[in-house]
Structure formats: structure tokens, C-alpha cells
Amino acid sequence: MNIVRYARLRAGLTQEQLAKKVRISQPALARIESGRIAPRIDTIDRLLRACGMSLQPVPLAGTGIDRSTIRRMLTRSPRERLRIAAQEARNLDTLKPRRRP
């Protein structure tokens, strides 16, 4: 589904209502939502903001590494890191599904 259409529907707006809010024609909005035209990024931003959403760059799930946690852990002593690892292992054990006998 087109992101503009998704935002509009989530905001509970009709095409006509959203078009009036951002001062574009309803047919132009229909063409944007259908993918017949590719709007400029500032137009998409205006449309999303009118729906109470924003356009923000977000890393794709599963890509990149958050090194802040690694840096934070390296400031701790080896003993403290081992204690935290053991605690996290216990936490993971509680998440494992239990087998039925």
C-alpha cells in the first residue's frame, strides 16, 4: 500500500479532506496514491504531516550494528560483563517455549 494512502486512511481522512489541508487537487492526490506520478519529497512530507505522521530515515531491520551497546559494555570490567551475560542467559531461558510431556 502506498505510504500516503496508508497515512491518510490511518488519519481517517478522505482524499478530498487531505487535498484541501495541503492545498493540492484531489485528482493529484489520487494520482500520487495510485503511483501514477512520483511526487517530490517535500510534497510527501507535507501530506504525511497533515496526517499526523512524519518522514524519517530509519535503518532497515536487520541491517547495521548498534555499536553504542558494545561501547557501553566495553567500559565495564570483565567480571561485570560476565555477570550481565549470565543474567541475560537466565532471561533467555524464561523465553524458551516449554515442551509438553
N, C-alpha and C. Protein backbone atom coordinates (compact mmCIF):
# COMPACT_ATOMS: atom_id res chain seq x y z
N MET A 1 0.85 -1.18 0.00
CA MET A 1 0.00 0.00 0.00
C MET A 1 0.89 1.24 0.00
N ASN A 2 0.49 2.21 -0.73
CA ASN A 2 1.19 3.49 -0.82
C ASN A 2 1.24 4.15 0.56
N ILE A 3 2.39 4.71 0.92
CA ILE A 3 2.56 5.30 2.25
C ILE A 3 1.62 6.49 2.48
N VAL A 4 1.37 7.27 1.44
CA VAL A 4 0.47 8.41 1.59
C VAL A 4 -0.96 7.92 1.84
N ARG A 5 -1.37 6.92 1.10
CA ARG A 5 -2.71 6.36 1.30
C ARG A 5 -2.83 5.76 2.69
N TYR A 6 -1.81 5.03 3.11
CA TYR A 6 -1.80 4.43 4.45
C TYR A 6 -1.97 5.52 5.52
N ALA A 7 -1.19 6.59 5.40
CA ALA A 7 -1.25 7.68 6.39
C ALA A 7 -2.62 8.34 6.37
N ARG A 8 -3.16 8.55 5.18
CA ARG A 8 -4.48 9.19 5.07
C ARG A 8 -5.56 8.34 5.72
N LEU A 9 -5.56 7.05 5.41
CA LEU A 9 -6.57 6.17 5.98
C LEU A 9 -6.42 6.07 7.50
N ARG A 10 -5.18 6.02 7.96
CA ARG A 10 -4.93 5.93 9.40
C ARG A 10 -5.41 7.20 10.10
N ALA A 11 -5.30 8.34 9.42
CA ALA A 11 -5.76 9.61 9.99
C ALA A 11 -7.27 9.77 9.86
N GLY A 12 -7.92 8.88 9.11
CA GLY A 12 -9.36 8.95 8.95
C GLY A 12 -9.81 10.06 8.03
N LEU A 13 -8.98 10.38 7.06
CA LEU A 13 -9.30 11.47 6.13
C LEU A 13 -9.69 10.92 4.77
N THR A 14 -10.54 11.65 4.07
CA THR A 14 -10.84 11.33 2.69
C THR A 14 -9.76 11.98 1.83
N GLN A 15 -9.70 11.59 0.57
CA GLN A 15 -8.76 12.24 -0.34
C GLN A 15 -9.06 13.73 -0.43
N GLU A 16 -10.32 14.06 -0.49
CA GLU A 16 -10.71 15.47 -0.61
C GLU A 16 -10.26 16.27 0.61
N GLN A 17 -10.45 15.71 1.81
CA GLN A 17 -10.06 16.40 3.04
C GLN A 17 -8.55 16.62 3.09
N LEU A 18 -7.79 15.58 2.78
CA LEU A 18 -6.33 15.71 2.81
C LEU A 18 -5.85 16.68 1.74
N ALA A 19 -6.42 16.61 0.56
CA ALA A 19 -6.03 17.51 -0.52
C ALA A 19 -6.25 18.97 -0.12
N LYS A 20 -7.38 19.25 0.53
CA LYS A 20 -7.65 20.62 0.98
C LYS A 20 -6.65 21.06 2.03
N LYS A 21 -6.28 20.16 2.94
CA LYS A 21 -5.33 20.50 4.02
C LYS A 21 -3.97 20.92 3.46
N VAL A 22 -3.53 20.25 2.40
CA VAL A 22 -2.21 20.56 1.86
C VAL A 22 -2.26 21.39 0.58
N ARG A 23 -3.47 21.77 0.22
CA ARG A 23 -3.69 22.67 -0.92
C ARG A 23 -3.18 22.09 -2.25
N ILE A 24 -3.60 20.84 -2.50
CA ILE A 24 -3.40 20.26 -3.82
C ILE A 24 -4.77 19.75 -4.27
N SER A 25 -4.88 19.44 -5.53
CA SER A 25 -6.18 18.96 -6.01
C SER A 25 -6.39 17.49 -5.62
N GLN A 26 -7.64 17.12 -5.48
CA GLN A 26 -7.96 15.73 -5.14
C GLN A 26 -7.49 14.78 -6.25
N PRO A 27 -7.66 15.13 -7.53
CA PRO A 27 -7.15 14.24 -8.58
C PRO A 27 -5.62 14.05 -8.51
N ALA A 28 -4.91 15.11 -8.13
CA ALA A 28 -3.45 14.99 -7.99
C ALA A 28 -3.12 14.02 -6.86
N LEU A 29 -3.85 14.12 -5.75
CA LEU A 29 -3.64 13.21 -4.63
C LEU A 29 -3.96 11.77 -5.05
N ALA A 30 -5.01 11.59 -5.83
CA ALA A 30 -5.37 10.26 -6.31
C ALA A 30 -4.25 9.67 -7.18
N ARG A 31 -3.64 10.51 -8.01
CA ARG A 31 -2.53 10.04 -8.86
C ARG A 31 -1.31 9.67 -8.02
N ILE A 32 -1.06 10.44 -6.94
CA ILE A 32 0.06 10.12 -6.04
C ILE A 32 -0.20 8.78 -5.36
N GLU A 33 -1.41 8.60 -4.83
CA GLU A 33 -1.74 7.37 -4.12
C GLU A 33 -1.73 6.15 -5.04
N SER A 34 -2.09 6.32 -6.28
CA SER A 34 -2.12 5.19 -7.20
C SER A 34 -0.75 4.88 -7.78
N GLY A 35 0.21 5.77 -7.58
CA GLY A 35 1.55 5.56 -8.10
C GLY A 35 1.73 6.01 -9.54
N ARG A 36 0.72 6.69 -10.08
CA ARG A 36 0.83 7.16 -11.46
C ARG A 36 1.81 8.32 -11.59
N ILE A 37 2.00 9.07 -10.50
CA ILE A 37 3.02 10.12 -10.51
C ILE A 37 3.89 9.96 -9.27
N ALA A 38 5.13 10.37 -9.39
CA ALA A 38 6.06 10.33 -8.26
C ALA A 38 6.24 11.76 -7.74
N PRO A 39 5.67 12.06 -6.58
CA PRO A 39 5.76 13.42 -6.06
C PRO A 39 7.15 13.74 -5.52
N ARG A 40 7.42 15.03 -5.38
CA ARG A 40 8.67 15.46 -4.76
C ARG A 40 8.63 15.08 -3.28
N ILE A 41 9.79 14.97 -2.69
CA ILE A 41 9.90 14.56 -1.30
C ILE A 41 9.21 15.56 -0.37
N ASP A 42 9.28 16.85 -0.69
CA ASP A 42 8.62 17.84 0.17
C ASP A 42 7.09 17.71 0.10
N THR A 43 6.58 17.26 -1.03
CA THR A 43 5.13 17.03 -1.14
C THR A 43 4.72 15.84 -0.28
N ILE A 44 5.49 14.78 -0.33
CA ILE A 44 5.20 13.62 0.52
C ILE A 44 5.27 14.03 1.99
N ASP A 45 6.27 14.81 2.33
CA ASP A 45 6.42 15.27 3.72
C ASP A 45 5.20 16.07 4.16
N ARG A 46 4.73 16.98 3.32
CA ARG A 46 3.54 17.78 3.65
C ARG A 46 2.31 16.90 3.83
N LEU A 47 2.15 15.94 2.94
CA LEU A 47 1.00 15.04 3.02
C LEU A 47 1.03 14.21 4.31
N LEU A 48 2.19 13.68 4.62
CA LEU A 48 2.31 12.86 5.84
C LEU A 48 2.09 13.70 7.09
N ARG A 49 2.66 14.89 7.13
CA ARG A 49 2.48 15.76 8.30
C ARG A 49 1.01 16.13 8.50
N ALA A 50 0.29 16.33 7.41
CA ALA A 50 -1.13 16.66 7.51
C ALA A 50 -1.92 15.49 8.08
N CYS A 51 -1.34 14.29 8.00
CA CYS A 51 -1.97 13.08 8.55
C CYS A 51 -1.44 12.75 9.95
N GLY A 52 -0.58 13.62 10.48
CA GLY A 52 -0.02 13.38 11.81
C GLY A 52 1.15 12.43 11.82
N MET A 53 1.81 12.28 10.68
CA MET A 53 2.97 11.40 10.58
C MET A 53 4.15 12.20 10.04
N SER A 54 5.32 11.59 10.08
CA SER A 54 6.50 12.27 9.54
C SER A 54 7.29 11.31 8.68
N LEU A 55 8.14 11.87 7.89
CA LEU A 55 9.00 11.11 7.00
C LEU A 55 10.40 11.16 7.61
N GLN A 56 10.84 10.04 8.16
CA GLN A 56 12.14 9.98 8.81
C GLN A 56 12.93 8.79 8.30
N PRO A 57 14.23 8.98 8.07
CA PRO A 57 15.04 7.83 7.66
C PRO A 57 15.25 6.90 8.84
N VAL A 58 14.97 5.63 8.63
CA VAL A 58 15.12 4.62 9.67
C VAL A 58 15.89 3.45 9.07
N PRO A 59 16.90 2.96 9.77
CA PRO A 59 17.63 1.81 9.22
C PRO A 59 16.70 0.62 9.01
N LEU A 60 16.95 -0.12 7.97
CA LEU A 60 16.17 -1.32 7.71
C LEU A 60 16.43 -2.33 8.82
N ALA A 61 15.41 -3.05 9.19
CA ALA A 61 15.56 -4.06 10.22
C ALA A 61 16.56 -5.11 9.78
N GLY A 62 17.44 -5.45 10.68
CA GLY A 62 18.42 -6.49 10.39
C GLY A 62 19.67 -6.00 9.68
N THR A 63 19.78 -4.69 9.46
CA THR A 63 20.99 -4.17 8.82
C THR A 63 21.71 -3.27 9.78
N GLY A 64 23.01 -3.25 9.67
CA GLY A 64 23.81 -2.39 10.52
C GLY A 64 23.98 -2.95 11.93
N ILE A 65 24.87 -2.35 12.64
CA ILE A 65 25.16 -2.76 14.02
C ILE A 65 25.06 -1.55 14.91
N ASP A 66 24.38 -1.70 16.04
CA ASP A 66 24.32 -0.63 17.02
C ASP A 66 25.55 -0.78 17.92
N ARG A 67 26.56 0.00 17.63
CA ARG A 67 27.81 -0.11 18.37
C ARG A 67 27.77 0.58 19.73
N SER A 68 26.72 1.34 20.01
CA SER A 68 26.65 2.03 21.29
C SER A 68 26.58 1.05 22.45
N THR A 69 25.86 -0.05 22.28
CA THR A 69 25.79 -1.06 23.34
C THR A 69 27.14 -1.74 23.53
N ILE A 70 27.82 -2.01 22.43
CA ILE A 70 29.15 -2.62 22.51
C ILE A 70 30.10 -1.69 23.26
N ARG A 71 30.10 -0.42 22.90
CA ARG A 71 30.98 0.55 23.58
C ARG A 71 30.67 0.62 25.07
N ARG A 72 29.38 0.63 25.38
CA ARG A 72 28.97 0.72 26.79
C ARG A 72 29.44 -0.52 27.56
N MET A 73 29.32 -1.68 26.95
CA MET A 73 29.76 -2.91 27.62
C MET A 73 31.28 -2.94 27.82
N LEU A 74 32.02 -2.40 26.87
CA LEU A 74 33.47 -2.40 26.99
C LEU A 74 33.99 -1.48 28.10
N THR A 75 33.15 -0.57 28.59
CA THR A 75 33.58 0.27 29.71
C THR A 75 33.48 -0.49 31.03
N ARG A 76 32.81 -1.63 31.04
CA ARG A 76 32.65 -2.43 32.25
C ARG A 76 33.82 -3.41 32.40
N SER A 77 34.02 -3.86 33.60
CA SER A 77 35.09 -4.83 33.86
C SER A 77 34.67 -6.18 33.29
N PRO A 78 35.66 -7.06 33.02
CA PRO A 78 35.32 -8.40 32.52
C PRO A 78 34.38 -9.14 33.48
N ARG A 79 34.58 -8.99 34.77
CA ARG A 79 33.72 -9.65 35.75
C ARG A 79 32.27 -9.14 35.62
N GLU A 80 32.10 -7.84 35.47
CA GLU A 80 30.76 -7.26 35.33
C GLU A 80 30.10 -7.72 34.03
N ARG A 81 30.87 -7.78 32.94
CA ARG A 81 30.32 -8.26 31.67
C ARG A 81 29.87 -9.71 31.79
N LEU A 82 30.63 -10.53 32.50
CA LEU A 82 30.27 -11.92 32.70
C LEU A 82 28.99 -12.04 33.53
N ARG A 83 28.87 -11.21 34.56
CA ARG A 83 27.66 -11.22 35.39
C ARG A 83 26.44 -10.85 34.55
N ILE A 84 26.57 -9.83 33.71
CA ILE A 84 25.46 -9.40 32.85
C ILE A 84 25.11 -10.50 31.84
N ALA A 85 26.12 -11.14 31.27
CA ALA A 85 25.87 -12.22 30.30
C ALA A 85 25.13 -13.37 30.96
N ALA A 86 25.51 -13.71 32.17
CA ALA A 86 24.82 -14.80 32.88
C ALA A 86 23.37 -14.42 33.15
N GLN A 87 23.13 -13.19 33.55
CA GLN A 87 21.77 -12.73 33.80
C GLN A 87 20.93 -12.77 32.53
N GLU A 88 21.52 -12.33 31.43
CA GLU A 88 20.79 -12.34 30.15
C GLU A 88 20.50 -13.77 29.71
N ALA A 89 21.41 -14.71 29.98
CA ALA A 89 21.16 -16.11 29.64
C ALA A 89 19.97 -16.64 30.44
N ARG A 90 19.88 -16.26 31.71
CA ARG A 90 18.73 -16.67 32.52
C ARG A 90 17.44 -16.08 31.95
N ASN A 91 17.52 -14.84 31.51
CA ASN A 91 16.34 -14.20 30.91
C ASN A 91 15.90 -14.94 29.65
N LEU A 92 16.85 -15.36 28.83
CA LEU A 92 16.52 -16.09 27.60
C LEU A 92 15.88 -17.43 27.92
N ASP A 93 16.35 -18.08 28.98
CA ASP A 93 15.76 -19.36 29.36
C ASP A 93 14.28 -19.21 29.68
N THR A 94 13.89 -18.09 30.24
CA THR A 94 12.48 -17.90 30.57
C THR A 94 11.62 -17.70 29.33
N LEU A 95 12.25 -17.32 28.21
CA LEU A 95 11.51 -17.08 26.98
C LEU A 95 11.33 -18.32 26.14
N LYS A 96 12.10 -19.37 26.41
CA LYS A 96 12.00 -20.59 25.61
C LYS A 96 10.64 -21.23 25.83
N PRO A 97 10.01 -21.70 24.75
CA PRO A 97 8.72 -22.37 24.92
C PRO A 97 8.93 -23.69 25.68
N ARG A 98 8.02 -23.97 26.54
CA ARG A 98 8.13 -25.21 27.31
C ARG A 98 7.58 -26.36 26.49
N ARG A 99 8.29 -27.47 26.58
CA ARG A 99 7.85 -28.66 25.85
C ARG A 99 6.77 -29.37 26.67
N ARG A 100 5.80 -29.86 25.95
CA ARG A 100 4.74 -30.62 26.61
C ARG A 100 5.17 -32.08 26.71
N PRO A 101 4.95 -32.70 27.87
CA PRO A 101 5.35 -34.10 28.03
C PRO A 101 4.49 -35.05 27.22
